[in-house]
Amino acid sequence: AALTSGVGVRTAVFSPGIAGTLRANYRALDEFLGGLAAALLTGGADDATEDDDGATDQDDDDDFPEFAARRFRPTATPDDIASSQLRIENHPATADFYRKWNLPIYYQIRFGAACARLDAALEAVRTDGWTASCFTGSAESLKTATDLGLELPAFQELHDAIFTLWSEDVFLRPLAHRFLRGTIQLFGRMLAAVEDGRGDGAAPPTAGWGASPHTVAAVAWDLTVLGSCLAGPLPDLAAAAARAHDARRATDEERRAL
């Protein structure tokens, strides 16, 4: 209730204006809810705490042995925990909590950033040709792209933009279907640009690139490499991201909230 009652708290926690902050908040609270049943139904071993000096302070059983036998220590089987977790996930309060997040807006911010990168790269290609220096990612990302065999900066930029969407710092499991659709849209925009740029060589370097056998070979190669990435490593990356970020089964209320 404290997270949803105050306007200031709601703005700070649920606002998608700062995408990185929303992702961190969502992940932290989602993981907390995902393990709530296990935390409540297991006890005893996790009672040790640390004092200000870093020393471990065990529970009070040693100091008050007469109370140790009467202390409540919950015991639960894995089935008990799973059943309780399912009740938590399907509770109306949980569904209402997930509806507070503006996840579709978060996705639009992330997808918009990827589109902006691709648009800038294609504009550079229209001006200076396919060899235009337009890669804006990190040195590590560039090495990944080149190791895959991508040669043209525009394709390296698209590869990094797509895989950034599925990175640890961006991806959210409830938006997996949106990120997948966005990935296909980005690749489709590149295909459209390639098709539009073909010509007889009479136009500026942006169009007419089809008249150069070397450029045709380079573009065709990078299209093949990028297509192989989308058909191979990307599905595995997407599946791993979904498993790593949230092992819980999405409830119907969560899906409808999106």
Protein backbone atom coordinates (compact mmCIF):
# COMPACT_ATOMS: atom_id res chain seq x y z
CA ALA A 1 0.00 0.00 0.00
CA ALA A 2 2.86 2.38 0.76
CA LEU A 3 4.14 1.97 -2.80
CA THR A 4 0.84 2.97 -4.37
CA SER A 5 -0.67 5.50 -1.97
CA GLY A 6 1.56 8.55 -2.24
CA VAL A 7 1.82 10.51 -5.47
CA GLY A 8 5.51 11.14 -4.94
CA VAL A 9 6.21 7.48 -4.32
CA ARG A 10 4.21 6.39 -7.35
CA THR A 11 6.08 8.88 -9.53
CA ALA A 12 9.47 7.78 -8.27
CA VAL A 13 8.79 4.05 -8.50
CA PHE A 14 6.42 3.56 -11.42
CA SER A 15 7.22 6.45 -13.79
CA PRO A 16 8.76 5.26 -17.08
CA GLY A 17 10.38 8.65 -17.74
CA ILE A 18 13.78 7.32 -16.64
CA ALA A 19 13.82 3.93 -18.32
CA GLY A 20 16.79 2.53 -16.41
CA THR A 21 15.26 3.44 -13.06
CA LEU A 22 11.92 1.86 -13.92
CA ARG A 23 13.62 -1.34 -15.06
CA ALA A 24 15.63 -1.56 -11.83
CA ASN A 25 12.56 -0.87 -9.69
CA TYR A 26 10.41 -3.37 -11.55
CA ARG A 27 13.04 -6.09 -11.43
CA ALA A 28 13.69 -5.62 -7.70
CA LEU A 29 10.02 -5.65 -6.70
CA ASP A 30 9.14 -8.43 -9.14
CA GLU A 31 11.89 -10.66 -7.81
CA PHE A 32 10.75 -9.89 -4.27
CA LEU A 33 7.20 -10.99 -5.07
CA GLY A 34 8.50 -14.01 -6.97
CA GLY A 35 10.28 -15.31 -3.86
CA LEU A 36 7.84 -14.09 -1.23
CA ALA A 37 6.26 -17.47 -0.47
CA ALA A 38 9.63 -19.16 -0.03
CA ALA A 39 10.82 -16.36 2.26
CA LEU A 40 7.72 -16.60 4.44
CA LEU A 41 7.51 -20.38 4.60
CA THR A 42 11.13 -21.17 5.33
CA GLY A 43 12.88 -20.10 8.51
CA GLY A 44 15.50 -20.85 11.12
CA ALA A 45 18.64 -20.78 9.00
CA ASP A 46 18.24 -17.19 7.86
CA ASP A 47 17.95 -15.63 11.29
CA ALA A 48 21.61 -14.65 11.61
CA THR A 49 22.34 -10.96 11.21
CA GLU A 50 25.40 -8.75 11.20
CA ASP A 51 26.02 -5.96 13.69
CA ASP A 52 27.66 -2.63 12.89
CA ASP A 53 31.12 -4.17 13.24
CA GLY A 54 30.35 -6.88 10.71
CA ALA A 55 30.19 -9.64 13.31
CA THR A 56 27.55 -12.31 12.86
CA ASP A 57 24.87 -12.33 15.53
CA GLN A 58 22.89 -15.54 15.76
CA ASP A 59 19.29 -15.61 16.94
CA ASP A 60 18.40 -15.52 20.60
CA ASP A 61 18.12 -19.29 21.04
CA ASP A 62 21.53 -19.51 22.73
CA ASP A 63 20.68 -16.71 25.15
CA PHE A 64 17.19 -17.97 25.95
CA PRO A 65 17.25 -21.75 25.52
CA GLU A 66 13.97 -22.10 27.43
CA PHE A 67 12.20 -20.32 24.58
CA ALA A 68 13.95 -22.19 21.77
CA ALA A 69 11.64 -25.18 21.87
CA ARG A 70 8.57 -22.95 21.70
CA ARG A 71 9.80 -20.76 18.91
CA PHE A 72 7.76 -21.05 15.72
CA ARG A 73 9.81 -22.39 12.84
CA PRO A 74 7.70 -22.81 9.70
CA THR A 75 8.22 -25.94 7.67
CA ALA A 76 6.91 -26.34 4.16
CA THR A 77 7.39 -28.73 1.28
CA PRO A 78 8.25 -27.44 -2.21
CA ASP A 79 4.64 -28.12 -3.20
CA ASP A 80 3.42 -25.98 -0.30
CA ILE A 81 5.67 -23.12 -1.37
CA ALA A 82 4.62 -23.41 -5.02
CA SER A 83 0.95 -23.43 -4.07
CA SER A 84 1.35 -20.41 -1.81
CA GLN A 85 3.33 -18.56 -4.46
CA LEU A 86 0.60 -19.21 -7.00
CA ARG A 87 -2.00 -17.76 -4.62
CA ILE A 88 0.15 -14.67 -4.16
CA GLU A 89 0.56 -14.22 -7.91
CA ASN A 90 -3.16 -14.58 -8.59
CA HIS A 91 -4.31 -12.36 -5.76
CA PRO A 92 -6.20 -9.20 -6.90
CA ALA A 93 -3.72 -7.01 -5.04
CA THR A 94 -0.86 -8.50 -7.07
CA ALA A 95 -2.71 -7.92 -10.34
CA ASP A 96 -3.38 -4.33 -9.29
CA PHE A 97 0.29 -3.89 -8.42
CA TYR A 98 1.42 -4.98 -11.90
CA ARG A 99 -1.06 -2.64 -13.54
CA LYS A 100 0.75 0.29 -11.92
CA TRP A 101 3.74 -0.18 -14.20
CA ASN A 102 3.73 1.66 -17.53
CA LEU A 103 5.61 -1.13 -19.24
CA PRO A 104 4.31 -0.40 -22.78
CA ILE A 105 5.66 3.15 -22.45
CA TYR A 106 8.96 1.76 -21.19
CA TYR A 107 9.13 -0.41 -24.30
CA GLN A 108 8.41 2.54 -26.59
CA ILE A 109 11.31 4.45 -25.01
CA ARG A 110 13.70 1.55 -25.54
CA PHE A 111 12.44 0.77 -29.04
CA GLY A 112 12.55 4.46 -29.97
CA ALA A 113 16.21 4.61 -28.98
CA ALA A 114 16.96 1.61 -31.22
CA CYS A 115 15.05 3.20 -34.12
CA ALA A 116 16.96 6.44 -33.67
CA ARG A 117 20.25 4.57 -33.96
CA LEU A 118 19.14 2.82 -37.13
CA ASP A 119 17.76 6.03 -38.66
CA ALA A 120 21.03 7.86 -38.02
CA ALA A 121 23.01 5.00 -39.57
CA LEU A 122 20.82 4.91 -42.68
CA GLU A 123 21.07 8.68 -43.06
CA ALA A 124 24.85 8.35 -43.00
CA VAL A 125 24.61 5.66 -45.66
CA ARG A 126 22.45 7.89 -47.85
CA THR A 127 25.05 10.63 -47.57
CA ASP A 128 28.36 8.78 -47.65
CA GLY A 129 27.54 5.28 -48.84
CA TRP A 130 27.63 1.93 -47.08
CA THR A 131 31.14 2.45 -45.73
CA ALA A 132 30.04 5.54 -43.75
CA SER A 133 31.34 5.54 -40.17
CA CYS A 134 28.11 5.34 -38.18
CA PHE A 135 28.70 2.77 -35.43
CA THR A 136 27.98 4.26 -31.99
CA GLY A 137 28.27 1.23 -29.73
CA SER A 138 31.08 0.17 -27.44
CA ALA A 139 34.40 -1.33 -28.53
CA GLU A 140 33.27 -4.65 -27.08
CA SER A 141 30.06 -4.57 -29.13
CA LEU A 142 32.03 -3.74 -32.26
CA LYS A 143 34.33 -6.69 -31.66
CA THR A 144 31.29 -8.96 -31.24
CA ALA A 145 29.84 -7.76 -34.53
CA THR A 146 33.09 -8.10 -36.44
CA ASP A 147 33.75 -11.54 -34.98
CA LEU A 148 30.39 -12.60 -36.38
CA GLY A 149 31.51 -11.42 -39.80
CA LEU A 150 29.64 -8.12 -40.13
CA GLU A 151 31.73 -5.73 -42.21
CA LEU A 152 29.63 -2.61 -42.87
CA PRO A 153 29.17 -0.09 -40.02
CA ALA A 154 25.42 0.28 -40.65
CA PHE A 155 24.87 -3.44 -40.14
CA GLN A 156 27.13 -3.43 -37.10
CA GLU A 157 25.00 -0.62 -35.68
CA LEU A 158 21.77 -2.49 -36.34
CA HIS A 159 23.16 -5.66 -34.76
CA ASP A 160 24.14 -3.77 -31.61
CA ALA A 161 20.81 -1.92 -31.45
CA ILE A 162 18.88 -5.18 -31.68
CA PHE A 163 20.94 -7.10 -29.17
CA THR A 164 20.88 -4.15 -26.76
CA LEU A 165 17.10 -4.62 -26.54
CA TRP A 166 17.72 -8.12 -25.18
CA SER A 167 20.51 -7.15 -22.81
CA GLU A 168 20.41 -7.44 -19.03
CA ASP A 169 20.06 -3.67 -18.67
CA VAL A 170 17.03 -3.32 -20.96
CA PHE A 171 14.96 -6.49 -21.30
CA LEU A 172 11.87 -7.18 -19.19
CA ARG A 173 10.16 -10.56 -19.47
CA PRO A 174 6.54 -9.32 -19.66
CA LEU A 175 7.54 -7.34 -22.77
CA ALA A 176 9.24 -10.24 -24.56
CA HIS A 177 6.61 -10.34 -27.31
CA ARG A 178 7.03 -6.60 -27.90
CA PHE A 179 10.82 -6.84 -28.05
CA LEU A 180 10.53 -9.70 -30.52
CA ARG A 181 8.17 -7.68 -32.70
CA GLY A 182 10.50 -4.67 -32.48
CA THR A 183 13.45 -6.82 -33.54
CA ILE A 184 11.59 -7.93 -36.66
CA GLN A 185 10.55 -4.34 -37.41
CA LEU A 186 14.13 -3.09 -37.17
CA PHE A 187 15.39 -5.81 -39.50
CA GLY A 188 12.50 -5.06 -41.87
CA ARG A 189 13.46 -1.38 -41.98
CA MET A 190 16.99 -2.33 -42.97
CA LEU A 191 15.67 -4.61 -45.70
CA ALA A 192 13.49 -1.78 -47.01
CA ALA A 193 16.47 0.59 -47.06
CA VAL A 194 18.53 -1.96 -48.95
CA GLU A 195 15.77 -2.45 -51.49
CA ASP A 196 15.18 1.28 -51.92
CA GLY A 197 18.89 1.92 -52.42
CA ARG A 198 19.29 -0.34 -55.39
CA GLY A 199 19.58 1.44 -58.75
CA ASP A 200 21.55 1.85 -61.92
CA GLY A 201 24.31 3.99 -60.41
CA ALA A 202 23.06 7.28 -61.83
CA ALA A 203 21.91 8.61 -58.45
CA PRO A 204 24.05 9.86 -55.53
CA PRO A 205 26.01 7.32 -53.44
CA THR A 206 22.96 6.65 -51.29
CA ALA A 207 20.91 5.15 -54.07
CA GLY A 208 22.43 3.35 -57.01
CA TRP A 209 24.74 1.27 -54.84
CA GLY A 210 23.62 -1.78 -56.81
CA ALA A 211 25.91 -0.77 -59.68
CA SER A 212 29.02 -1.65 -57.65
CA PRO A 213 29.70 -5.41 -57.49
CA HIS A 214 31.89 -4.96 -54.41
CA THR A 215 29.15 -3.09 -52.53
CA VAL A 216 26.51 -5.57 -53.63
CA ALA A 217 28.65 -8.42 -52.29
CA ALA A 218 29.30 -6.62 -48.98
CA VAL A 219 25.62 -5.78 -48.41
CA ALA A 220 24.49 -9.28 -49.38
CA TRP A 221 27.07 -10.81 -47.02
CA ASP A 222 26.08 -8.65 -44.06
CA LEU A 223 22.39 -9.36 -44.69
CA THR A 224 23.15 -13.07 -44.64
CA VAL A 225 25.19 -12.81 -41.42
CA LEU A 226 22.59 -10.69 -39.65
CA GLY A 227 19.79 -13.00 -40.79
CA SER A 228 21.74 -15.96 -39.39
CA CYS A 229 22.08 -14.14 -36.06
CA LEU A 230 18.32 -13.56 -35.90
CA ALA A 231 17.64 -17.20 -36.73
CA GLY A 232 20.29 -18.64 -34.41
CA PRO A 233 21.84 -16.78 -31.45
CA LEU A 234 19.00 -14.31 -30.93
CA PRO A 235 16.23 -16.87 -30.12
CA ASP A 236 18.61 -18.56 -27.68
CA LEU A 237 19.48 -15.18 -26.13
CA ALA A 238 15.81 -14.23 -25.86
CA ALA A 239 14.91 -17.54 -24.21
CA ALA A 240 17.81 -17.27 -21.78
CA ALA A 241 16.88 -13.69 -20.93
CA ALA A 242 13.29 -14.67 -20.20
CA ARG A 243 14.37 -17.54 -17.95
CA ALA A 244 17.00 -15.50 -16.12
CA HIS A 245 14.83 -12.47 -15.50
CA ASP A 246 11.71 -14.20 -14.30
CA ALA A 247 11.16 -17.92 -13.81
CA ARG A 248 7.58 -17.33 -12.68
CA ARG A 249 4.63 -18.02 -14.93
CA ALA A 250 2.89 -14.81 -15.95
CA THR A 251 -0.63 -14.56 -14.66
CA ASP A 252 -3.59 -13.67 -16.85
CA GLU A 253 -3.90 -10.40 -14.97
CA GLU A 254 -0.31 -9.50 -15.82
CA ARG A 255 -0.81 -10.25 -19.49
CA ARG A 256 -4.02 -8.22 -19.63
CA ALA A 257 -2.27 -5.32 -17.88
CA LEU A 258 0.10 -5.07 -20.84
